[in-house]
N, C-alpha and C. Protein backbone atom coordinates (compact mmCIF):
# COMPACT_ATOMS: atom_id res chain seq x y z
N MET A 1 36.83 -0.21 16.25
CA MET A 1 37.79 0.87 15.85
C MET A 1 37.14 1.60 14.77
N ILE A 2 37.35 2.92 14.94
CA ILE A 2 36.98 3.75 14.34
C ILE A 2 38.33 4.44 13.12
N ARG A 3 38.22 4.58 12.02
CA ARG A 3 39.56 4.84 11.42
C ARG A 3 38.99 6.15 10.35
N THR A 4 40.06 6.88 10.25
CA THR A 4 39.80 8.01 9.30
C THR A 4 40.76 7.30 7.92
N PHE A 5 40.45 7.73 6.95
CA PHE A 5 40.74 7.15 5.52
C PHE A 5 40.78 8.35 4.55
N GLU A 6 41.85 8.87 3.85
CA GLU A 6 42.30 10.00 3.01
C GLU A 6 41.76 11.32 3.53
N GLY A 7 41.95 11.62 5.28
CA GLY A 7 41.37 12.60 5.81
C GLY A 7 39.78 12.72 6.30
N ILE A 8 39.10 11.62 5.89
CA ILE A 8 37.85 11.59 6.32
C ILE A 8 37.42 10.65 7.04
N THR A 9 36.82 11.37 8.46
CA THR A 9 36.58 10.47 9.51
C THR A 9 35.15 10.35 9.63
N PRO A 10 34.66 8.94 10.30
CA PRO A 10 33.33 8.60 10.23
C PRO A 10 32.56 9.65 11.41
N VAL A 11 31.49 9.91 11.18
CA VAL A 11 30.88 10.94 12.03
C VAL A 11 29.61 10.03 12.53
N ILE A 12 29.68 9.71 14.04
CA ILE A 12 29.21 8.84 14.60
C ILE A 12 28.26 9.37 15.80
N ALA A 13 26.95 9.69 15.72
CA ALA A 13 26.08 10.21 17.02
C ALA A 13 26.77 9.64 18.26
N ALA A 14 26.46 10.63 19.24
CA ALA A 14 26.99 10.56 20.76
C ALA A 14 25.93 9.21 21.44
N SER A 15 24.96 8.89 20.69
CA SER A 15 24.03 7.84 21.41
C SER A 15 24.08 6.65 20.87
N THR A 16 24.87 6.69 19.80
CA THR A 16 25.33 5.15 19.07
C THR A 16 26.42 4.42 19.75
N PHE A 17 26.11 3.24 19.70
CA PHE A 17 26.97 1.97 20.42
C PHE A 17 27.65 1.08 19.24
N ILE A 18 28.98 1.24 19.33
CA ILE A 18 29.84 0.90 18.30
C ILE A 18 30.64 -0.22 19.09
N ASP A 19 30.52 -1.61 18.96
CA ASP A 19 31.27 -2.67 19.71
C ASP A 19 32.89 -2.50 19.40
N GLU A 20 33.70 -2.84 20.42
CA GLU A 20 35.29 -2.67 20.19
C GLU A 20 35.60 -3.40 19.21
N SER A 21 35.14 -4.55 18.68
CA SER A 21 35.89 -5.34 17.52
C SER A 21 35.36 -4.89 16.36
N ALA A 22 34.31 -3.92 16.36
CA ALA A 22 33.49 -3.64 14.71
C ALA A 22 34.53 -2.68 14.37
N VAL A 23 34.93 -2.38 12.67
CA VAL A 23 35.71 -1.47 12.05
C VAL A 23 34.79 -0.68 11.45
N VAL A 24 34.91 0.71 11.51
CA VAL A 24 34.07 1.77 10.64
C VAL A 24 35.09 2.64 10.22
N ILE A 25 35.10 2.63 9.02
CA ILE A 25 36.07 3.25 8.20
C ILE A 25 35.68 4.45 7.00
N GLY A 26 36.44 5.55 7.14
CA GLY A 26 36.01 6.78 6.13
C GLY A 26 34.81 7.38 6.05
N ASN A 27 34.32 7.56 4.98
CA ASN A 27 33.17 8.39 4.65
C ASN A 27 31.71 7.63 5.39
N VAL A 28 31.65 7.47 6.46
CA VAL A 28 30.46 6.75 7.22
C VAL A 28 29.78 7.42 8.15
N THR A 29 28.38 7.70 7.98
CA THR A 29 27.73 8.58 8.95
C THR A 29 26.69 7.63 9.71
N ILE A 30 26.85 7.70 11.15
CA ILE A 30 25.52 6.76 11.94
C ILE A 30 24.93 7.70 12.58
N GLY A 31 23.68 7.58 12.61
CA GLY A 31 22.67 8.32 13.28
C GLY A 31 22.54 7.80 14.82
N GLU A 32 21.38 8.70 15.53
CA GLU A 32 21.09 8.76 16.73
C GLU A 32 20.59 7.34 17.14
N ASP A 33 21.08 6.56 18.18
CA ASP A 33 20.47 5.56 19.08
C ASP A 33 20.69 4.03 18.02
N SER A 34 21.44 4.24 17.33
CA SER A 34 21.96 3.31 16.40
C SER A 34 23.05 2.12 16.97
N SER A 35 23.34 0.95 16.44
CA SER A 35 24.07 0.03 17.11
C SER A 35 25.02 -0.80 16.12
N VAL A 36 26.36 -1.13 16.44
CA VAL A 36 27.13 -1.93 15.74
C VAL A 36 27.73 -2.64 16.20
N TRP A 37 27.42 -4.12 16.02
CA TRP A 37 27.73 -5.12 17.05
C TRP A 37 29.18 -5.68 16.41
N PRO A 38 29.42 -6.93 17.43
CA PRO A 38 30.91 -7.24 17.19
C PRO A 38 31.26 -7.78 15.89
N THR A 39 32.29 -7.74 15.46
CA THR A 39 33.02 -8.08 14.02
C THR A 39 32.31 -7.60 12.78
N VAL A 40 31.39 -6.09 12.91
CA VAL A 40 30.99 -5.56 11.88
C VAL A 40 32.07 -4.98 11.37
N VAL A 41 32.14 -4.77 10.01
CA VAL A 41 32.84 -4.13 9.03
C VAL A 41 32.29 -3.02 8.20
N ILE A 42 32.37 -1.93 8.37
CA ILE A 42 31.77 -0.56 7.57
C ILE A 42 32.61 0.04 6.85
N ARG A 43 33.03 -0.13 5.61
CA ARG A 43 34.14 0.53 5.14
C ARG A 43 33.44 1.36 3.89
N GLY A 44 33.68 2.73 4.32
CA GLY A 44 33.34 3.88 3.68
C GLY A 44 34.55 4.48 2.74
N ASP A 45 35.36 3.66 2.05
CA ASP A 45 36.37 4.17 1.65
C ASP A 45 36.71 4.43 0.21
N VAL A 46 35.79 4.06 -0.53
CA VAL A 46 35.58 4.51 -1.94
C VAL A 46 34.26 5.32 -2.36
N ASN A 47 33.41 5.20 -1.52
CA ASN A 47 31.87 6.27 -1.50
C ASN A 47 31.45 6.35 -0.21
N SER A 48 30.46 7.04 -0.02
CA SER A 48 29.86 6.95 1.26
C SER A 48 28.87 5.87 1.96
N ILE A 49 28.84 5.90 3.38
CA ILE A 49 27.81 5.15 3.79
C ILE A 49 27.29 5.93 4.67
N SER A 50 25.69 5.71 4.59
CA SER A 50 24.96 6.29 5.50
C SER A 50 23.85 5.44 6.24
N ILE A 51 23.70 5.62 7.50
CA ILE A 51 23.05 4.75 8.47
C ILE A 51 22.31 5.48 9.46
N GLY A 52 20.79 5.42 9.53
CA GLY A 52 20.17 6.35 9.99
C GLY A 52 19.84 5.99 11.52
N ASN A 53 18.90 6.42 12.12
CA ASN A 53 18.70 6.50 13.53
C ASN A 53 17.99 5.29 13.71
N ARG A 54 18.33 4.48 15.09
CA ARG A 54 17.73 3.71 15.55
C ARG A 54 17.80 2.28 14.71
N THR A 55 18.98 2.06 14.03
CA THR A 55 19.22 1.24 13.26
C THR A 55 20.48 0.30 13.76
N SER A 56 20.10 -1.13 13.80
CA SER A 56 20.90 -2.08 14.41
C SER A 56 21.74 -2.78 13.09
N ILE A 57 23.11 -2.97 13.12
CA ILE A 57 23.81 -3.61 12.26
C ILE A 57 24.45 -4.84 13.29
N GLN A 58 23.92 -6.17 12.85
CA GLN A 58 24.19 -7.02 13.95
C GLN A 58 25.61 -7.83 13.52
N ASP A 59 26.14 -8.70 14.28
CA ASP A 59 27.41 -9.78 14.54
C ASP A 59 27.88 -9.79 12.99
N GLY A 60 29.01 -9.43 12.68
CA GLY A 60 29.58 -10.25 11.32
C GLY A 60 28.96 -9.41 10.16
N SER A 61 28.18 -8.53 10.01
CA SER A 61 27.79 -7.91 8.81
C SER A 61 28.97 -7.15 8.04
N VAL A 62 28.95 -7.11 6.89
CA VAL A 62 29.74 -6.36 6.00
C VAL A 62 29.19 -5.34 4.99
N LEU A 63 29.46 -4.11 5.30
CA LEU A 63 29.02 -2.98 4.57
C LEU A 63 29.69 -2.34 3.33
N HIS A 64 29.68 -2.24 2.61
CA HIS A 64 30.64 -1.57 1.53
C HIS A 64 29.86 -0.89 0.21
N VAL A 65 30.56 -0.28 -0.59
CA VAL A 65 30.28 0.37 -1.77
C VAL A 65 30.88 0.17 -2.86
N ASN A 66 30.69 0.95 -4.03
CA ASN A 66 31.47 1.03 -5.32
C ASN A 66 31.80 1.99 -5.68
N HIS A 67 32.74 2.37 -6.11
CA HIS A 67 33.64 3.79 -6.38
C HIS A 67 33.32 4.04 -7.64
N ASP A 68 33.61 5.60 -7.58
CA ASP A 68 33.00 6.40 -9.03
C ASP A 68 34.01 5.96 -10.07
N ASP A 69 33.77 5.61 -11.55
CA ASP A 69 34.28 5.75 -12.60
C ASP A 69 33.68 5.58 -13.94
N GLU A 70 34.20 5.60 -14.84
CA GLU A 70 33.86 5.98 -16.24
C GLU A 70 32.66 4.63 -16.77
N HIS A 71 32.83 3.73 -15.90
CA HIS A 71 31.71 2.31 -16.09
C HIS A 71 30.61 2.26 -15.18
N ASN A 72 30.74 3.05 -14.08
CA ASN A 72 29.84 3.49 -13.25
C ASN A 72 29.97 4.75 -12.12
N PRO A 73 29.19 5.95 -13.30
CA PRO A 73 29.41 7.24 -13.05
C PRO A 73 28.48 7.48 -11.66
N GLY A 74 29.47 8.22 -10.54
CA GLY A 74 28.99 8.32 -9.18
C GLY A 74 28.81 7.30 -8.17
N GLY A 75 29.42 6.00 -8.62
CA GLY A 75 29.61 4.68 -7.87
C GLY A 75 28.21 4.37 -7.42
N ASP A 76 28.40 3.61 -6.13
CA ASP A 76 27.21 3.11 -5.72
C ASP A 76 27.47 3.32 -4.20
N PRO A 77 27.07 4.85 -3.40
CA PRO A 77 26.77 4.50 -2.14
C PRO A 77 26.06 3.50 -1.47
N LEU A 78 26.06 3.67 -0.17
CA LEU A 78 25.09 2.58 0.77
C LEU A 78 24.29 3.46 1.59
N SER A 79 23.01 3.12 1.67
CA SER A 79 22.18 4.20 2.50
C SER A 79 21.17 3.13 3.35
N ILE A 80 21.08 3.49 4.46
CA ILE A 80 20.14 2.65 5.31
C ILE A 80 19.63 3.63 6.18
N GLY A 81 18.19 3.76 6.13
CA GLY A 81 17.31 4.55 6.81
C GLY A 81 17.04 4.16 8.12
N ASP A 82 16.08 4.80 8.74
CA ASP A 82 15.79 4.75 10.23
C ASP A 82 15.04 3.42 10.62
N ASN A 83 15.43 3.10 11.64
CA ASN A 83 14.70 1.89 12.35
C ASN A 83 14.84 0.64 11.60
N VAL A 84 15.99 0.40 11.17
CA VAL A 84 16.23 -0.93 10.20
C VAL A 84 16.84 -1.94 11.15
N THR A 85 16.69 -2.93 11.05
CA THR A 85 17.20 -4.20 11.79
C THR A 85 17.90 -5.08 10.78
N VAL A 86 19.43 -4.95 10.77
CA VAL A 86 20.26 -5.63 9.71
C VAL A 86 20.70 -7.19 10.49
N GLY A 87 20.29 -8.24 10.26
CA GLY A 87 20.61 -9.61 11.28
C GLY A 87 22.21 -9.74 10.84
N HIS A 88 22.29 -10.87 11.68
CA HIS A 88 23.83 -11.35 11.80
C HIS A 88 24.52 -11.85 10.25
N LYS A 89 25.57 -11.50 10.13
CA LYS A 89 26.34 -12.13 8.70
C LYS A 89 25.63 -11.43 7.48
N VAL A 90 25.11 -10.26 7.42
CA VAL A 90 24.46 -9.70 6.08
C VAL A 90 25.61 -8.92 5.24
N MET A 91 25.69 -9.05 4.39
CA MET A 91 26.05 -8.27 3.39
C MET A 91 25.14 -7.34 2.59
N LEU A 92 25.64 -6.04 2.82
CA LEU A 92 25.07 -4.86 2.10
C LEU A 92 26.23 -3.93 1.03
N HIS A 93 25.91 -4.13 -0.35
CA HIS A 93 26.96 -3.67 -0.97
C HIS A 93 26.21 -2.70 -2.02
N GLY A 94 26.67 -1.37 -1.75
CA GLY A 94 26.27 -0.18 -2.72
C GLY A 94 24.50 -0.15 -2.99
N CYS A 95 23.72 -0.44 -1.85
CA CYS A 95 22.30 -0.46 -2.30
C CYS A 95 21.53 0.74 -1.15
N THR A 96 20.08 0.61 -1.45
CA THR A 96 19.43 1.64 -0.34
C THR A 96 18.61 0.82 -0.07
N ILE A 97 18.45 0.69 1.77
CA ILE A 97 17.50 0.16 2.41
C ILE A 97 16.89 1.63 3.30
N ASN A 98 15.55 1.57 2.80
CA ASN A 98 14.69 2.50 3.58
C ASN A 98 14.51 1.76 4.75
N ASP A 99 13.48 3.31 5.46
CA ASP A 99 12.99 3.29 6.73
C ASP A 99 12.24 1.66 7.21
N ARG A 100 12.56 1.21 8.49
CA ARG A 100 11.64 0.19 8.85
C ARG A 100 11.65 -1.03 7.89
N CYS A 101 12.72 -1.51 8.07
CA CYS A 101 13.02 -2.78 7.14
C CYS A 101 13.69 -3.67 7.90
N LEU A 102 13.52 -5.18 7.97
CA LEU A 102 14.28 -6.00 8.44
C LEU A 102 14.90 -7.10 7.39
N ILE A 103 16.50 -6.97 7.46
CA ILE A 103 17.23 -7.78 6.90
C ILE A 103 17.63 -9.10 7.50
N GLY A 104 16.99 -10.21 7.20
CA GLY A 104 17.28 -11.39 7.73
C GLY A 104 18.78 -12.14 7.56
N MET A 105 19.24 -12.77 8.38
CA MET A 105 20.63 -13.38 8.82
C MET A 105 21.17 -13.80 7.35
N SER A 106 22.30 -13.70 7.26
CA SER A 106 23.26 -14.31 5.89
C SER A 106 22.67 -13.84 4.70
N SER A 107 21.77 -12.54 4.76
CA SER A 107 21.04 -12.33 3.14
C SER A 107 22.18 -11.37 2.73
N THR A 108 22.23 -11.01 1.52
CA THR A 108 23.28 -10.39 0.44
C THR A 108 22.26 -9.54 -0.50
N ILE A 109 22.52 -8.35 0.02
CA ILE A 109 22.03 -7.14 -1.17
C ILE A 109 22.76 -6.46 -1.90
N LEU A 110 22.74 -6.49 -3.24
CA LEU A 110 23.76 -6.31 -4.18
C LEU A 110 23.39 -4.68 -4.34
N ASP A 111 24.40 -4.20 -5.28
CA ASP A 111 24.50 -2.92 -5.96
C ASP A 111 23.20 -2.25 -6.59
N LYS A 112 22.66 -1.16 -6.33
CA LYS A 112 21.67 -0.70 -6.90
C LYS A 112 20.32 -1.06 -6.51
N VAL A 113 20.34 -1.83 -5.58
CA VAL A 113 19.13 -2.35 -5.08
C VAL A 113 18.51 -1.42 -4.16
N VAL A 114 17.27 -1.26 -3.85
CA VAL A 114 16.36 -0.33 -3.48
C VAL A 114 15.23 -1.04 -2.83
N VAL A 115 15.25 -1.27 -1.32
CA VAL A 115 14.32 -1.91 -0.58
C VAL A 115 13.45 -0.77 0.01
N GLU A 116 12.13 -0.72 -0.48
CA GLU A 116 11.03 0.17 0.25
C GLU A 116 11.31 0.14 1.39
N SER A 117 10.57 0.95 2.16
CA SER A 117 10.27 0.97 3.64
C SER A 117 9.32 0.12 3.99
N GLY A 118 9.23 -0.80 5.09
CA GLY A 118 8.49 -1.68 5.78
C GLY A 118 8.41 -2.92 4.82
N THR A 119 9.69 -3.58 4.62
CA THR A 119 10.21 -4.35 4.02
C THR A 119 10.67 -5.63 4.80
N ILE A 120 10.45 -7.05 4.47
CA ILE A 120 11.06 -7.71 5.34
C ILE A 120 11.89 -9.10 4.48
N ILE A 121 13.14 -8.97 4.47
CA ILE A 121 13.96 -9.90 3.69
C ILE A 121 14.35 -11.32 4.41
N GLY A 122 13.94 -12.26 4.04
CA GLY A 122 14.25 -13.62 4.79
C GLY A 122 15.68 -14.01 5.13
N ALA A 123 15.91 -14.66 5.93
CA ALA A 123 17.41 -15.10 6.16
C ALA A 123 17.65 -16.18 4.89
N GLY A 124 19.15 -15.58 4.53
CA GLY A 124 19.83 -16.42 3.45
C GLY A 124 19.46 -15.81 2.11
N SER A 125 18.80 -14.83 2.01
CA SER A 125 18.18 -14.60 0.59
C SER A 125 19.34 -13.70 0.06
N LEU A 126 19.10 -13.58 -1.55
CA LEU A 126 20.27 -13.12 -2.44
C LEU A 126 19.29 -11.93 -3.13
N VAL A 127 19.67 -10.68 -2.78
CA VAL A 127 18.92 -9.63 -3.81
C VAL A 127 19.98 -9.29 -5.06
N SER A 128 19.40 -9.62 -6.15
CA SER A 128 20.37 -9.31 -7.58
C SER A 128 20.27 -7.85 -7.77
N PRO A 129 21.34 -7.65 -8.39
CA PRO A 129 21.62 -5.98 -8.69
C PRO A 129 20.72 -5.40 -9.47
N GLY A 130 20.19 -4.39 -8.84
CA GLY A 130 19.22 -3.32 -9.51
C GLY A 130 17.89 -3.50 -9.09
N LYS A 131 17.76 -4.30 -8.27
CA LYS A 131 15.94 -4.80 -7.83
C LYS A 131 15.62 -3.81 -7.11
N VAL A 132 14.23 -3.50 -7.34
CA VAL A 132 13.50 -2.83 -6.41
C VAL A 132 12.57 -3.36 -5.52
N LEU A 133 12.79 -3.62 -4.21
CA LEU A 133 11.53 -4.44 -3.40
C LEU A 133 10.47 -3.46 -2.83
N GLU A 134 9.38 -4.06 -3.23
CA GLU A 134 8.08 -3.05 -3.03
C GLU A 134 7.77 -3.27 -1.50
N SER A 135 7.38 -2.03 -1.07
CA SER A 135 6.95 -1.85 0.33
C SER A 135 5.70 -2.69 0.93
N GLY A 136 5.92 -3.32 2.01
CA GLY A 136 4.86 -4.13 2.75
C GLY A 136 4.99 -5.34 2.23
N TYR A 137 5.92 -6.14 1.82
CA TYR A 137 5.92 -7.70 1.49
C TYR A 137 7.37 -8.01 1.98
N LEU A 138 7.24 -9.64 2.06
CA LEU A 138 8.20 -10.58 2.64
C LEU A 138 8.72 -10.80 1.22
N TYR A 139 10.12 -11.07 1.52
CA TYR A 139 11.11 -11.24 0.10
C TYR A 139 11.88 -12.50 0.65
N VAL A 140 11.93 -13.75 0.00
CA VAL A 140 12.89 -14.79 0.20
C VAL A 140 13.42 -15.57 -0.61
N GLY A 141 14.53 -16.14 -0.67
CA GLY A 141 15.13 -17.03 -1.66
C GLY A 141 16.24 -16.91 -2.40
N VAL A 142 16.84 -17.39 -3.01
CA VAL A 142 18.02 -17.21 -4.04
C VAL A 142 17.64 -17.00 -5.60
N PRO A 143 17.53 -16.47 -6.35
CA PRO A 143 17.54 -14.86 -6.18
C PRO A 143 16.17 -14.71 -5.15
N ALA A 144 16.03 -13.35 -4.33
CA ALA A 144 14.94 -13.42 -3.65
C ALA A 144 13.60 -13.19 -4.48
N ARG A 145 12.60 -13.60 -4.05
CA ARG A 145 11.23 -13.25 -4.76
C ARG A 145 10.13 -13.05 -3.54
N GLN A 146 9.01 -11.99 -4.25
CA GLN A 146 8.07 -11.63 -3.46
C GLN A 146 7.41 -12.33 -3.12
N VAL A 147 7.02 -12.95 -1.75
CA VAL A 147 6.29 -14.22 -1.49
C VAL A 147 4.75 -13.70 -1.00
N ARG A 148 4.76 -13.12 -0.16
CA ARG A 148 3.55 -12.68 0.32
C ARG A 148 3.39 -11.10 0.96
N LYS A 149 2.10 -10.41 1.05
CA LYS A 149 1.86 -9.26 2.08
C LYS A 149 2.21 -9.65 3.25
N LEU A 150 3.08 -8.64 3.91
CA LEU A 150 3.26 -8.84 5.62
C LEU A 150 2.17 -8.58 6.39
N THR A 151 2.03 -9.12 7.19
CA THR A 151 0.71 -8.98 8.27
C THR A 151 1.09 -7.90 9.29
N ASP A 152 -0.08 -7.51 9.78
CA ASP A 152 -0.19 -6.53 10.51
C ASP A 152 0.89 -6.69 12.00
N GLU A 153 0.93 -7.72 12.28
CA GLU A 153 1.55 -8.06 13.40
C GLU A 153 3.26 -7.98 12.84
N GLU A 154 3.44 -8.51 11.73
CA GLU A 154 5.03 -8.42 11.20
C GLU A 154 5.54 -6.93 10.94
N LEU A 155 4.22 -6.14 10.54
CA LEU A 155 4.78 -4.85 10.18
C LEU A 155 4.79 -4.09 11.64
N ALA A 156 4.10 -4.48 12.77
CA ALA A 156 4.40 -3.95 13.83
C ALA A 156 5.86 -4.35 14.38
N TYR A 157 6.02 -5.47 14.20
CA TYR A 157 7.38 -6.24 14.83
C TYR A 157 8.75 -5.47 14.32
N LEU A 158 8.43 -4.68 13.07
CA LEU A 158 9.48 -3.89 12.59
C LEU A 158 9.97 -3.02 13.64
N ASP A 159 8.91 -2.23 14.04
CA ASP A 159 9.29 -1.13 15.02
C ASP A 159 9.65 -1.57 16.57
N PHE A 160 9.12 -3.06 17.05
CA PHE A 160 9.60 -3.56 18.09
C PHE A 160 10.84 -3.75 17.92
N ALA A 161 11.30 -4.46 16.75
CA ALA A 161 12.79 -4.76 16.81
C ALA A 161 13.70 -3.82 17.09
N ALA A 162 13.37 -2.64 16.15
CA ALA A 162 14.10 -1.48 16.09
C ALA A 162 14.41 -0.73 17.29
N GLU A 163 13.35 -0.57 18.31
CA GLU A 163 13.12 -0.25 19.77
C GLU A 163 13.82 -1.46 20.53
N TYR A 164 13.96 -2.81 20.48
CA TYR A 164 14.50 -3.74 21.17
C TYR A 164 16.07 -3.58 20.89
N TYR A 165 16.65 -3.21 20.16
CA TYR A 165 18.10 -2.89 19.98
C TYR A 165 18.54 -1.89 20.29
N VAL A 166 17.50 -0.60 20.58
CA VAL A 166 17.94 0.70 21.13
C VAL A 166 18.14 0.33 22.87
N ARG A 167 17.31 -0.34 23.29
CA ARG A 167 17.15 -0.80 24.42
C ARG A 167 18.51 -1.58 25.01
N LEU A 168 18.80 -2.56 24.04
CA LEU A 168 20.01 -3.41 24.29
C LEU A 168 21.46 -2.73 24.29
N LYS A 169 21.37 -1.65 23.20
CA LYS A 169 22.71 -1.10 23.00
C LYS A 169 22.79 -0.22 24.10
N SER A 170 21.80 0.33 24.90
CA SER A 170 21.68 1.38 26.18
C SER A 170 22.74 0.44 27.21
N LYS A 171 22.01 -0.62 27.27
CA LYS A 171 22.75 -1.70 28.28
C LYS A 171 23.93 -1.86 28.09
N HIS A 172 24.32 -2.15 26.87
CA HIS A 172 25.60 -2.35 26.37
C HIS A 172 26.69 -1.12 27.15
N ARG A 173 25.96 0.08 26.73
CA ARG A 173 26.92 1.48 26.83
C ARG A 173 27.15 1.73 28.28
N LEU A 174 25.94 1.43 29.24
CA LEU A 174 26.37 1.47 30.55
C LEU A 174 27.42 0.50 31.04
N THR A 175 27.47 -0.82 30.56
CA THR A 175 28.37 -1.78 30.62
C THR A 175 29.79 -1.28 30.54
N ASP A 176 29.93 -0.84 29.51
CA ASP A 176 31.42 -0.31 28.72
C ASP A 176 31.92 0.70 29.44
N ASN A 177 31.06 1.60 30.27
CA ASN A 177 31.60 2.75 30.62
C ASN A 177 32.05 2.23 32.42
């Protein structure tokens, strides 16, 4: 379901797949060839959410933001880059995920976190507010810690995963029409 909130309607590229059970509300922009899978909630009601091209937001994930007020000037928008794979049941809140990242299932990434390009966050991890995760590393745990440098195979997998979900969403779009 795509919903307008306070006169702002989500802007979704024509090539993007949004499952009919997903909810996308308000100030949300989603780029080309991206996918939003069953029961995802993307709620841009009090700040903006930007999702890049060829990015997959998988089943049951929740994406939200913080509002602008005297305690948090400007609030915390949510920005997700290109070629990002967000696993099942991930919580992203007012953070920045740069290009070519993989966010493992059931991870939580909190306010003002910056995940640099080419990063993997392992399943079930919790990234505390304000952290900056350096490019090219695997992070795991509660709280998430840098474990090791990513291998060439893992870095290549970031592109493979993004492309896989572009192909899969295209199959779903054909089935829905």
